[in-house]
Amino acid sequence: MARQVSYYFSLVSPWAYLGHGELGRIAAAHDVALDVRPVNLMELFGDTGGLPLPKRHPLRQAYRLVEMQRWRAARDVPLVLKPKHWPFDFKLADRAMLAAARLAPQEQTHVLIAFAFRAIWVEERNLADVETLAEVISAAGLDPETVLALARSPEVEVEHTTNFDRAKADGVFGSPSYVLDGEVFWGQDRLDMLESALASGRAPFTAPV
């Protein structure tokens, strides 16, 4: 049976975008099942002690932009540092990713998420706009009416809300986070450690009580 990694992220996260392609490579190389769990990053971050970007010290804000450039080069992917439509109301777009995970195979869901990330962080499109979101869904080979209807359904809305509690229960406090056997790997810069854990089959590390 394939091992499972819970994938907590939001489309508003540039770090999740930067790591998405590498996560896909790791999942394919190690036969990993990805449990896609979009989460309300703004609420989760604040609830666990993080500061939203505008409230951070200017030095921290500046360093974030430097790091984004470093990782853009390291991952060899395009990235607009300050996209035209960012931040945006991400809730429907995130729920659409969750709906797609219910409807499509893992590989196709991963492609859709990649297309959505690219739309935001490369093409500077507005995924709060329903027509734009539908175009991205269609480009990934899924029916936008079906996906969006499910994304708006009470069951998916509840699941998206529940992901907030599940994230905290799993020890997650930021996007992206990857959870393997209860061990949290926070940030796309920990993907090499996630792959090492998968390759070695070691027992998960836990915080001493």
Protein backbone atom coordinates (compact mmCIF):
# COMPACT_ATOMS: atom_id res chain seq x y z
CA MET A 1 0.00 0.00 0.00
CA ALA A 2 1.27 3.46 -0.88
CA ARG A 3 2.34 5.65 1.98
CA GLN A 4 0.32 8.80 2.51
CA VAL A 5 1.38 12.40 2.94
CA SER A 6 -1.17 14.97 4.04
CA TYR A 7 -0.62 18.10 1.96
CA TYR A 8 -1.76 21.28 3.69
CA PHE A 9 -1.58 24.40 1.55
CA SER A 10 -3.39 27.43 0.21
CA LEU A 11 -3.16 28.82 -3.29
CA VAL A 12 -2.27 32.22 -1.81
CA SER A 13 1.04 30.77 -0.57
CA PRO A 14 4.05 31.41 -2.83
CA TRP A 15 5.99 28.79 -0.89
CA ALA A 16 3.39 26.15 -1.67
CA TYR A 17 3.69 27.09 -5.34
CA LEU A 18 7.48 26.86 -5.23
CA GLY A 19 7.36 23.37 -3.76
CA HIS A 20 4.45 21.93 -5.70
CA GLY A 21 6.41 20.54 -8.63
CA GLU A 22 9.04 18.96 -6.38
CA LEU A 23 6.33 17.42 -4.21
CA GLY A 24 4.85 15.82 -7.32
CA ARG A 25 8.21 14.38 -8.27
CA ILE A 26 8.71 12.95 -4.78
CA ALA A 27 5.21 11.47 -4.70
CA ALA A 28 5.76 9.71 -8.03
CA ALA A 29 9.25 8.49 -7.12
CA HIS A 30 8.17 7.01 -3.79
CA ASP A 31 4.64 5.86 -4.66
CA VAL A 32 3.08 8.34 -2.24
CA ALA A 33 -0.63 9.05 -1.97
CA LEU A 34 -1.23 12.76 -1.47
CA ASP A 35 -4.08 13.68 0.84
CA VAL A 36 -4.92 17.14 -0.51
CA ARG A 37 -6.03 19.43 2.30
CA PRO A 38 -6.44 23.10 1.35
CA VAL A 39 -6.65 25.14 4.53
CA ASN A 40 -7.53 28.74 5.40
CA LEU A 41 -3.96 29.96 5.77
CA MET A 42 -4.87 33.39 7.09
CA GLU A 43 -6.90 32.01 9.97
CA LEU A 44 -4.47 29.17 10.71
CA PHE A 45 -1.41 31.39 10.71
CA GLY A 46 -2.94 33.93 13.05
CA ASP A 47 -4.47 31.33 15.35
CA THR A 48 -1.10 29.67 15.88
CA GLY A 49 0.89 32.82 16.63
CA GLY A 50 1.99 33.97 13.19
CA LEU A 51 1.77 37.54 11.95
CA PRO A 52 0.09 38.37 8.64
CA LEU A 53 2.48 39.85 6.11
CA PRO A 54 1.44 43.52 6.48
CA LYS A 55 2.03 43.37 10.24
CA ARG A 56 5.55 41.96 10.02
CA HIS A 57 8.56 44.19 10.53
CA PRO A 58 9.79 45.76 7.26
CA LEU A 59 13.06 43.84 7.59
CA ARG A 60 11.16 40.55 7.63
CA GLN A 61 9.04 41.62 4.68
CA ALA A 62 12.14 42.54 2.68
CA TYR A 63 13.87 39.27 3.53
CA ARG A 64 10.82 37.33 2.38
CA LEU A 65 11.21 38.87 -1.09
CA VAL A 66 14.90 37.95 -1.17
CA GLU A 67 14.10 34.36 -0.21
CA MET A 68 11.44 34.15 -2.91
CA GLN A 69 14.06 35.13 -5.47
CA ARG A 70 16.53 32.57 -4.14
CA TRP A 71 14.00 29.76 -4.31
CA ARG A 72 12.74 30.89 -7.70
CA ALA A 73 16.29 30.36 -8.94
CA ALA A 74 16.83 27.15 -6.98
CA ARG A 75 13.61 25.54 -8.23
CA ASP A 76 14.10 27.04 -11.72
CA VAL A 77 10.50 28.19 -11.96
CA PRO A 78 9.02 31.57 -12.90
CA LEU A 79 7.56 33.62 -10.06
CA VAL A 80 6.16 37.14 -9.90
CA LEU A 81 7.10 38.54 -6.50
CA LYS A 82 4.06 40.79 -6.18
CA PRO A 83 1.27 39.48 -8.43
CA LYS A 84 -1.32 41.98 -9.60
CA HIS A 85 -4.29 40.22 -7.96
CA TRP A 86 -2.62 39.05 -4.77
CA PRO A 87 -3.89 38.76 -2.11
CA PHE A 88 -7.35 37.71 -3.22
CA ASP A 89 -10.40 35.91 -1.85
CA PHE A 90 -9.03 32.38 -2.15
CA LYS A 91 -11.80 30.37 -0.51
CA LEU A 92 -13.66 29.17 -3.61
CA ALA A 93 -10.42 28.45 -5.48
CA ASP A 94 -9.06 26.42 -2.57
CA ARG A 95 -12.35 24.54 -2.26
CA ALA A 96 -12.23 23.84 -5.99
CA MET A 97 -8.90 22.08 -5.45
CA LEU A 98 -10.52 20.05 -2.70
CA ALA A 99 -13.46 19.20 -4.94
CA ALA A 100 -11.12 18.14 -7.74
CA ALA A 101 -9.34 15.78 -5.36
CA ARG A 102 -12.68 14.03 -4.85
CA LEU A 103 -13.42 13.81 -8.56
CA ALA A 104 -10.11 13.18 -10.31
CA PRO A 105 -7.07 10.91 -10.05
CA GLN A 106 -4.15 12.19 -8.01
CA GLU A 107 -2.05 13.08 -11.05
CA GLN A 108 -4.81 15.16 -12.63
CA THR A 109 -5.56 16.92 -9.34
CA HIS A 110 -1.87 17.72 -8.99
CA VAL A 111 -1.86 19.20 -12.50
CA LEU A 112 -4.90 21.35 -11.72
CA ILE A 113 -3.25 22.70 -8.57
CA ALA A 114 -0.12 23.43 -10.59
CA PHE A 115 -2.19 25.31 -13.19
CA ALA A 116 -3.91 27.30 -10.45
CA PHE A 117 -0.60 28.21 -8.83
CA ARG A 118 0.79 29.27 -12.20
CA ALA A 119 -2.27 31.38 -12.92
CA ILE A 120 -1.65 33.35 -9.73
CA TRP A 121 2.13 33.46 -9.41
CA VAL A 122 3.19 33.60 -13.05
CA GLU A 123 0.29 34.81 -15.18
CA GLU A 124 -1.09 37.24 -12.56
CA ARG A 125 -4.66 36.13 -13.12
CA ASN A 126 -7.44 36.68 -10.61
CA LEU A 127 -8.70 33.35 -9.28
CA ALA A 128 -11.33 35.13 -7.22
CA ASP A 129 -13.03 35.62 -10.59
CA VAL A 130 -15.24 32.61 -11.25
CA GLU A 131 -14.81 32.67 -15.03
CA THR A 132 -11.03 32.73 -14.68
CA LEU A 133 -11.13 29.88 -12.19
CA ALA A 134 -13.37 27.90 -14.55
CA GLU A 135 -10.88 28.40 -17.39
CA VAL A 136 -8.05 27.03 -15.25
CA ILE A 137 -10.14 24.01 -14.25
CA SER A 138 -11.04 23.35 -17.89
CA ALA A 139 -7.38 23.62 -18.95
CA ALA A 140 -6.60 20.74 -16.57
CA GLY A 141 -9.16 18.57 -18.34
CA LEU A 142 -11.91 18.77 -15.73
CA ASP A 143 -15.47 20.00 -16.13
CA PRO A 144 -15.64 23.39 -14.41
CA GLU A 145 -19.39 23.24 -13.77
CA THR A 146 -19.05 19.92 -11.96
CA VAL A 147 -16.01 21.00 -9.97
CA LEU A 148 -17.44 24.37 -8.98
CA ALA A 149 -20.81 22.91 -8.04
CA LEU A 150 -19.07 20.50 -5.70
CA ALA A 151 -16.78 23.26 -4.41
CA ARG A 152 -19.87 25.26 -3.41
CA SER A 153 -21.62 22.29 -1.83
CA PRO A 154 -22.17 22.21 1.93
CA GLU A 155 -20.10 19.03 2.27
CA VAL A 156 -16.99 20.56 0.70
CA GLU A 157 -17.45 23.82 2.59
CA VAL A 158 -17.60 21.80 5.81
CA GLU A 159 -14.54 19.78 4.82
CA HIS A 160 -12.58 22.93 4.04
CA THR A 161 -13.54 24.35 7.44
CA THR A 162 -12.72 21.05 9.12
CA ASN A 163 -9.25 21.11 7.55
CA PHE A 164 -8.48 24.01 9.89
CA ASP A 165 -9.08 21.81 12.94
CA ARG A 166 -7.35 18.84 11.31
CA ALA A 167 -4.32 20.98 10.56
CA LYS A 168 -3.98 22.08 14.17
CA ALA A 169 -4.52 18.52 15.39
CA ASP A 170 -1.70 17.43 13.06
CA GLY A 171 0.60 20.16 14.40
CA VAL A 172 0.41 22.30 11.26
CA PHE A 173 0.67 26.08 11.45
CA GLY A 174 1.69 27.26 7.99
CA SER A 175 1.58 26.59 4.26
CA PRO A 176 2.81 24.39 2.82
CA SER A 177 3.05 21.61 5.36
CA TYR A 178 3.52 17.95 4.59
CA VAL A 179 2.61 15.39 7.25
CA LEU A 180 4.07 11.88 7.08
CA ASP A 181 3.19 9.39 9.82
CA GLY A 182 2.37 12.27 12.14
CA GLU A 183 5.64 14.13 11.49
CA VAL A 184 5.25 17.67 10.16
CA PHE A 185 7.56 19.05 7.49
CA TRP A 186 6.81 22.79 7.35
CA GLY A 187 7.85 24.68 4.27
CA GLN A 188 8.87 23.67 0.78
CA ASP A 189 12.49 23.98 1.92
CA ARG A 190 11.94 20.77 3.93
CA LEU A 191 11.02 18.65 0.94
CA ASP A 192 14.47 17.09 0.81
CA MET A 193 13.98 15.97 4.42
CA LEU A 194 10.56 14.56 3.55
CA GLU A 195 12.07 12.58 0.71
CA SER A 196 14.84 11.33 2.99
CA ALA A 197 12.26 10.12 5.50
CA LEU A 198 10.35 8.33 2.76
CA ALA A 199 13.48 6.72 1.34
CA SER A 200 14.81 5.53 4.68
CA GLY A 201 11.52 4.36 6.12
CA ARG A 202 12.63 5.65 9.52
CA ALA A 203 10.23 6.13 12.40
CA PRO A 204 8.77 9.63 12.67
CA PHE A 205 10.49 12.20 14.85
CA THR A 206 8.36 13.64 17.62
CA ALA A 207 8.76 16.50 20.10
CA PRO A 208 9.81 15.30 23.57
CA VAL A 209 7.07 15.66 26.15
